[in-house]
């Protein structure tokens, strides 16, 4: 059975954003590539702070079970 439900996530205003299956797939890919790249990790750290690397890692780990 396919799971095409939308998943809610909070944006920077605290509002819930709904992500469909294609958006979640893209987000997983972008997170995976970014967290493997030293320059991307450096940019994230400089722009948002080091705690956002952990946020990204946790989000990616939580999303890995999805297809």
PDB file of N, CA and C in Angstrom:
ATOM      1  N   UNK A   1       0.838  -1.188   0.000  1.00  0.00           N
ATOM      2  CA  UNK A   1       0.000   0.000   0.000  1.00  0.00           C
ATOM      3  C   UNK A   1       0.873   1.238   0.000  1.00  0.00           C
ATOM      4  N   UNK A   2       0.651   2.122  -0.948  1.00  0.00           N
ATOM      5  CA  UNK A   2       1.438   3.343  -1.024  1.00  0.00           C
ATOM      6  C   UNK A   2       0.970   4.332   0.030  1.00  0.00           C
ATOM      7  N   UNK A   3       1.930   5.074   0.557  1.00  0.00           N
ATOM      8  CA  UNK A   3       1.619   6.070   1.564  1.00  0.00           C
ATOM      9  C   UNK A   3       1.850   7.442   0.947  1.00  0.00           C
ATOM     10  N   UNK A   4       0.797   8.041   0.417  1.00  0.00           N
ATOM     11  CA  UNK A   4       0.903   9.351  -0.216  1.00  0.00           C
ATOM     12  C   UNK A   4       0.427  10.466   0.705  1.00  0.00           C
ATOM     13  N   UNK A   5       0.369  10.179   1.990  1.00  0.00           N
ATOM     14  CA  UNK A   5      -0.067  11.205   2.939  1.00  0.00           C
ATOM     15  C   UNK A   5       0.913  12.363   2.942  1.00  0.00           C
ATOM     16  N   UNK A   6       0.404  13.519   3.275  1.00  0.00           N
ATOM     17  CA  UNK A   6       1.267  14.663   3.467  1.00  0.00           C
ATOM     18  C   UNK A   6       1.749  14.657   4.905  1.00  0.00           C
ATOM     19  N   UNK A   7       2.969  15.090   5.104  1.00  0.00           N
ATOM     20  CA  UNK A   7       3.570  15.149   6.431  1.00  0.00           C
ATOM     21  C   UNK A   7       3.720  16.623   6.793  1.00  0.00           C
ATOM     22  N   UNK A   8       3.343  16.986   7.997  1.00  0.00           N
ATOM     23  CA  UNK A   8       3.444  18.376   8.428  1.00  0.00           C
ATOM     24  C   UNK A   8       4.774  18.662   9.091  1.00  0.00           C
ATOM     25  N   UNK A   9       5.386  19.778   8.728  1.00  0.00           N
ATOM     26  CA  UNK A   9       6.598  20.267   9.375  1.00  0.00           C
ATOM     27  C   UNK A   9       6.412  21.750   9.642  1.00  0.00           C
ATOM     28  N   UNK A  10       7.130  22.255  10.626  1.00  0.00           N
ATOM     29  CA  UNK A  10       7.018  23.661  10.983  1.00  0.00           C
ATOM     30  C   UNK A  10       8.012  24.487  10.185  1.00  0.00           C
ATOM     31  N   UNK A  11       7.572  25.643   9.697  1.00  0.00           N
ATOM     32  CA  UNK A  11       8.508  26.553   9.043  1.00  0.00           C
ATOM     33  C   UNK A  11       9.035  27.533  10.085  1.00  0.00           C
ATOM     34  N   UNK A  12       9.797  28.533   9.668  1.00  0.00           N
ATOM     35  CA  UNK A  12      10.431  29.455  10.613  1.00  0.00           C
ATOM     36  C   UNK A  12       9.441  30.348  11.347  1.00  0.00           C
ATOM     37  N   UNK A  13       8.199  30.415  10.919  1.00  0.00           N
ATOM     38  CA  UNK A  13       7.190  31.199  11.627  1.00  0.00           C
ATOM     39  C   UNK A  13       6.400  30.344  12.602  1.00  0.00           C
ATOM     40  N   UNK A  14       6.668  29.049  12.627  1.00  0.00           N
ATOM     41  CA  UNK A  14       5.934  28.149  13.492  1.00  0.00           C
ATOM     42  C   UNK A  14       4.716  27.543  12.821  1.00  0.00           C
ATOM     43  N   UNK A  15       4.444  27.952  11.586  1.00  0.00           N
ATOM     44  CA  UNK A  15       3.319  27.390  10.861  1.00  0.00           C
ATOM     45  C   UNK A  15       3.670  25.989  10.376  1.00  0.00           C
ATOM     46  N   UNK A  16       2.674  25.156  10.274  1.00  0.00           N
ATOM     47  CA  UNK A  16       2.891  23.795   9.781  1.00  0.00           C
ATOM     48  C   UNK A  16       2.816  23.813   8.261  1.00  0.00           C
ATOM     49  N   UNK A  17       3.842  23.251   7.634  1.00  0.00           N
ATOM     50  CA  UNK A  17       3.867  23.100   6.178  1.00  0.00           C
ATOM     51  C   UNK A  17       3.619  21.638   5.872  1.00  0.00           C
ATOM     52  N   UNK A  18       2.843  21.367   4.863  1.00  0.00           N
ATOM     53  CA  UNK A  18       2.582  19.987   4.472  1.00  0.00           C
ATOM     54  C   UNK A  18       3.498  19.622   3.300  1.00  0.00           C
ATOM     55  N   UNK A  19       4.178  18.498   3.425  1.00  0.00           N
ATOM     56  CA  UNK A  19       5.063  18.010   2.373  1.00  0.00           C
ATOM     57  C   UNK A  19       4.470  16.753   1.772  1.00  0.00           C
ATOM     58  N   UNK A  20       4.322  16.747   0.455  1.00  0.00           N
ATOM     59  CA  UNK A  20       3.829  15.530  -0.182  1.00  0.00           C
ATOM     60  C   UNK A  20       4.999  14.574  -0.417  1.00  0.00           C
ATOM     61  N   UNK A  21       4.695  13.422  -0.984  1.00  0.00           N
ATOM     62  CA  UNK A  21       5.707  12.379  -1.154  1.00  0.00           C
ATOM     63  C   UNK A  21       6.894  12.852  -2.001  1.00  0.00           C
ATOM     64  N   UNK A  22       6.630  13.579  -3.078  1.00  0.00           N
ATOM     65  CA  UNK A  22       7.711  14.067  -3.940  1.00  0.00           C
ATOM     66  C   UNK A  22       8.576  15.089  -3.211  1.00  0.00           C
ATOM     67  N   UNK A  23       7.959  15.947  -2.426  1.00  0.00           N
ATOM     68  CA  UNK A  23       8.720  16.952  -1.676  1.00  0.00           C
ATOM     69  C   UNK A  23       9.580  16.293  -0.601  1.00  0.00           C
ATOM     70  N   UNK A  24       9.045  15.272   0.060  1.00  0.00           N
ATOM     71  CA  UNK A  24       9.839  14.559   1.062  1.00  0.00           C
ATOM     72  C   UNK A  24      11.019  13.844   0.411  1.00  0.00           C
ATOM     73  N   UNK A  25      10.794  13.268  -0.768  1.00  0.00           N
ATOM     74  CA  UNK A  25      11.876  12.596  -1.493  1.00  0.00           C
ATOM     75  C   UNK A  25      12.993  13.587  -1.833  1.00  0.00           C
ATOM     76  N   UNK A  26      12.606  14.762  -2.319  1.00  0.00           N
ATOM     77  CA  UNK A  26      13.581  15.798  -2.641  1.00  0.00           C
ATOM     78  C   UNK A  26      14.320  16.259  -1.390  1.00  0.00           C
ATOM     79  N   UNK A  27      13.595  16.484  -0.317  1.00  0.00           N
ATOM     80  CA  UNK A  27      14.220  16.932   0.928  1.00  0.00           C
ATOM     81  C   UNK A  27      15.229  15.909   1.434  1.00  0.00           C
ATOM     82  N   UNK A  28      14.874  14.617   1.382  1.00  0.00           N
ATOM     83  CA  UNK A  28      15.820  13.572   1.797  1.00  0.00           C
ATOM     84  C   UNK A  28      17.095  13.620   0.962  1.00  0.00           C
ATOM     85  N   UNK A  29      16.937  13.769  -0.355  1.00  0.00           N
ATOM     86  CA  UNK A  29      18.091  13.814  -1.244  1.00  0.00           C
ATOM     87  C   UNK A  29      18.975  15.034  -0.948  1.00  0.00           C
ATOM     88  N   UNK A  30      18.357  16.189  -0.806  1.00  0.00           N
ATOM     89  CA  UNK A  30      19.110  17.422  -0.534  1.00  0.00           C
ATOM     90  C   UNK A  30      19.828  17.316   0.810  1.00  0.00           C
ATOM     91  N   UNK A  31      19.155  16.805   1.822  1.00  0.00           N
ATOM     92  CA  UNK A  31      19.801  16.639   3.126  1.00  0.00           C
ATOM     93  C   UNK A  31      20.959  15.663   3.045  1.00  0.00           C
ATOM     94  N   UNK A  32      20.757  14.541   2.373  1.00  0.00           N
ATOM     95  CA  UNK A  32      21.806  13.533   2.268  1.00  0.00           C
ATOM     96  C   UNK A  32      23.046  14.101   1.581  1.00  0.00           C
ATOM     97  N   UNK A  33      22.844  14.758   0.456  1.00  0.00           N
ATOM     98  CA  UNK A  33      23.978  15.334  -0.284  1.00  0.00           C
ATOM     99  C   UNK A  33      24.647  16.435   0.539  1.00  0.00           C
ATOM    100  N   UNK A  34      23.848  17.288   1.149  1.00  0.00           N
ATOM    101  CA  UNK A  34      24.391  18.406   1.924  1.00  0.00           C
ATOM    102  C   UNK A  34      25.201  17.934   3.120  1.00  0.00           C
ATOM    103  N   UNK A  35      24.711  16.927   3.811  1.00  0.00           N
ATOM    104  CA  UNK A  35      25.399  16.465   5.016  1.00  0.00           C
ATOM    105  C   UNK A  35      26.630  15.631   4.707  1.00  0.00           C
ATOM    106  N   UNK A  36      26.832  15.274   3.445  1.00  0.00           N
ATOM    107  CA  UNK A  36      28.060  14.580   3.025  1.00  0.00           C
ATOM    108  C   UNK A  36      29.114  15.568   2.514  1.00  0.00           C
ATOM    109  N   UNK A  37      28.709  16.800   2.267  1.00  0.00           N
ATOM    110  CA  UNK A  37      29.593  17.809   1.695  1.00  0.00           C
ATOM    111  C   UNK A  37      30.169  18.707   2.789  1.00  0.00           C
ATOM    112  N   UNK A  38      31.492  18.760   2.863  1.00  0.00           N
ATOM    113  CA  UNK A  38      32.135  19.622   3.863  1.00  0.00           C
ATOM    114  C   UNK A  38      31.803  21.091   3.635  1.00  0.00           C
ATOM    115  N   UNK A  39      31.776  21.524   2.367  1.00  0.00           N
ATOM    116  CA  UNK A  39      31.473  22.934   2.100  1.00  0.00           C
ATOM    117  C   UNK A  39      30.031  23.268   2.451  1.00  0.00           C
ATOM    118  N   UNK A  40      29.101  22.342   2.210  1.00  0.00           N
ATOM    119  CA  UNK A  40      27.696  22.578   2.576  1.00  0.00           C
ATOM    120  C   UNK A  40      27.544  22.615   4.091  1.00  0.00           C
ATOM    121  N   UNK A  41      28.219  21.711   4.796  1.00  0.00           N
ATOM    122  CA  UNK A  41      28.149  21.709   6.257  1.00  0.00           C
ATOM    123  C   UNK A  41      28.740  22.993   6.834  1.00  0.00           C
ATOM    124  N   UNK A  42      29.825  23.473   6.232  1.00  0.00           N
ATOM    125  CA  UNK A  42      30.434  24.725   6.680  1.00  0.00           C
ATOM    126  C   UNK A  42      29.466  25.890   6.452  1.00  0.00           C
ATOM    127  N   UNK A  43      28.817  25.919   5.296  1.00  0.00           N
ATOM    128  CA  UNK A  43      27.854  26.982   4.992  1.00  0.00           C
ATOM    129  C   UNK A  43      26.683  26.952   5.978  1.00  0.00           C
ATOM    130  N   UNK A  44      26.168  25.768   6.255  1.00  0.00           N
ATOM    131  CA  UNK A  44      25.069  25.634   7.216  1.00  0.00           C
ATOM    132  C   UNK A  44      25.502  26.135   8.582  1.00  0.00           C
ATOM    133  N   UNK A  45      26.688  25.736   9.014  1.00  0.00           N
ATOM    134  CA  UNK A  45      27.204  26.147  10.317  1.00  0.00           C
ATOM    135  C   UNK A  45      27.381  27.658  10.392  1.00  0.00           C
ATOM    136  N   UNK A  46      27.957  28.251   9.350  1.00  0.00           N
ATOM    137  CA  UNK A  46      28.188  29.699   9.342  1.00  0.00           C
ATOM    138  C   UNK A  46      26.886  30.489   9.233  1.00  0.00           C
ATOM    139  N   UNK A  47      25.919  29.957   8.493  1.00  0.00           N
ATOM    140  CA  UNK A  47      24.673  30.676   8.242  1.00  0.00           C
ATOM    141  C   UNK A  47      23.660  30.497   9.368  1.00  0.00           C
ATOM    142  N   UNK A  48      23.504  29.259   9.836  1.00  0.00           N
ATOM    143  CA  UNK A  48      22.451  28.953  10.806  1.00  0.00           C
ATOM    144  C   UNK A  48      22.971  28.565  12.185  1.00  0.00           C
ATOM    145  N   UNK A  49      24.218  28.136  12.250  1.00  0.00           N
ATOM    146  CA  UNK A  49      24.794  27.687  13.510  1.00  0.00           C
ATOM    147  C   UNK A  49      24.967  26.174  13.510  1.00  0.00           C
ATOM    148  N   UNK A  50      25.893  25.693  14.330  1.00  0.00           N
ATOM    149  CA  UNK A  50      26.227  24.267  14.330  1.00  0.00           C
ATOM    150  C   UNK A  50      25.080  23.358  14.760  1.00  0.00           C
ATOM    151  N   UNK A  51      24.164  23.855  15.551  1.00  0.00           N
ATOM    152  CA  UNK A  51      23.055  22.996  15.988  1.00  0.00           C
ATOM    153  C   UNK A  51      22.176  22.567  14.822  1.00  0.00           C
ATOM    154  N   UNK A  52      22.186  23.345  13.714  1.00  0.00           N
ATOM    155  CA  UNK A  52      21.358  22.993  12.565  1.00  0.00           C
ATOM    156  C   UNK A  52      21.901  21.791  11.800  1.00  0.00           C
ATOM    157  N   UNK A  53      23.179  21.485  11.957  1.00  0.00           N
ATOM    158  CA  UNK A  53      23.698  20.238  11.386  1.00  0.00           C
ATOM    159  C   UNK A  53      23.039  19.056  12.073  1.00  0.00           C
ATOM    160  N   UNK A  54      22.905  19.140  13.393  1.00  0.00           N
ATOM    161  CA  UNK A  54      22.242  18.070  14.143  1.00  0.00           C
ATOM    162  C   UNK A  54      20.765  17.995  13.782  1.00  0.00           C
ATOM    163  N   UNK A  55      20.127  19.139  13.573  1.00  0.00           N
ATOM    164  CA  UNK A  55      18.723  19.159  13.160  1.00  0.00           C
ATOM    165  C   UNK A  55      18.570  18.439  11.824  1.00  0.00           C
ATOM    166  N   UNK A  56      19.459  18.744  10.884  1.00  0.00           N
ATOM    167  CA  UNK A  56      19.425  18.106   9.570  1.00  0.00           C
ATOM    168  C   UNK A  56      19.661  16.611   9.649  1.00  0.00           C
ATOM    169  N   UNK A  57      20.637  16.205  10.464  1.00  0.00           N
ATOM    170  CA  UNK A  57      20.932  14.778  10.627  1.00  0.00           C
ATOM    171  C   UNK A  57      19.740  14.039  11.227  1.00  0.00           C
ATOM    172  N   UNK A  58      19.118  14.639  12.236  1.00  0.00           N
ATOM    173  CA  UNK A  58      17.967  14.010  12.877  1.00  0.00           C
ATOM    174  C   UNK A  58      16.798  13.911  11.895  1.00  0.00           C
ATOM    175  N   UNK A  59      16.555  14.979  11.155  1.00  0.00           N
ATOM    176  CA  UNK A  59      15.471  14.967  10.173  1.00  0.00           C
ATOM    177  C   UNK A  59      15.709  13.895   9.112  1.00  0.00           C
ATOM    178  N   UNK A  60      16.933  13.828   8.603  1.00  0.00           N
ATOM    179  CA  UNK A  60      17.256  12.819   7.598  1.00  0.00           C
ATOM    180  C   UNK A  60      17.071  11.406   8.159  1.00  0.00           C
ATOM    181  N   UNK A  61      17.554  11.172   9.354  1.00  0.00           N
ATOM    182  CA  UNK A  61      17.395   9.847   9.968  1.00  0.00           C
ATOM    183  C   UNK A  61      15.928   9.486  10.147  1.00  0.00           C
ATOM    184  N   UNK A  62      15.109  10.461  10.516  1.00  0.00           N
ATOM    185  CA  UNK A  62      13.677  10.211  10.689  1.00  0.00           C
ATOM    186  C   UNK A  62      12.980   9.935   9.353  1.00  0.00           C
ATOM    187  N   UNK A  63      13.522  10.470   8.280  1.00  0.00           N
ATOM    188  CA  UNK A  63      12.900  10.327   6.965  1.00  0.00           C
ATOM    189  C   UNK A  63      13.407   9.113   6.198  1.00  0.00           C
ATOM    190  N   UNK A  64      14.488   8.500   6.625  1.00  0.00           N
ATOM    191  CA  UNK A  64      15.098   7.410   5.856  1.00  0.00           C
ATOM    192  C   UNK A  64      14.193   6.207   5.671  1.00  0.00           C
ATOM    193  N   UNK A  65      13.268   5.966   6.586  1.00  0.00           N
ATOM    194  CA  UNK A  65      12.386   4.818   6.466  1.00  0.00           C
ATOM    195  C   UNK A  65      11.292   4.992   5.424  1.00  0.00           C
ATOM    196  N   UNK A  66      11.120   6.216   4.922  1.00  0.00           N
ATOM    197  CA  UNK A  66      10.077   6.484   3.940  1.00  0.00           C
ATOM    198  C   UNK A  66      10.559   6.134   2.553  1.00  0.00           C
ATOM    199  N   UNK A  67       9.644   5.764   1.678  1.00  0.00           N
ATOM    200  CA  UNK A  67      10.004   5.465   0.286  1.00  0.00           C
ATOM    201  C   UNK A  67       9.645   6.606  -0.608  1.00  0.00           C
TER     202      UNK A  67
END
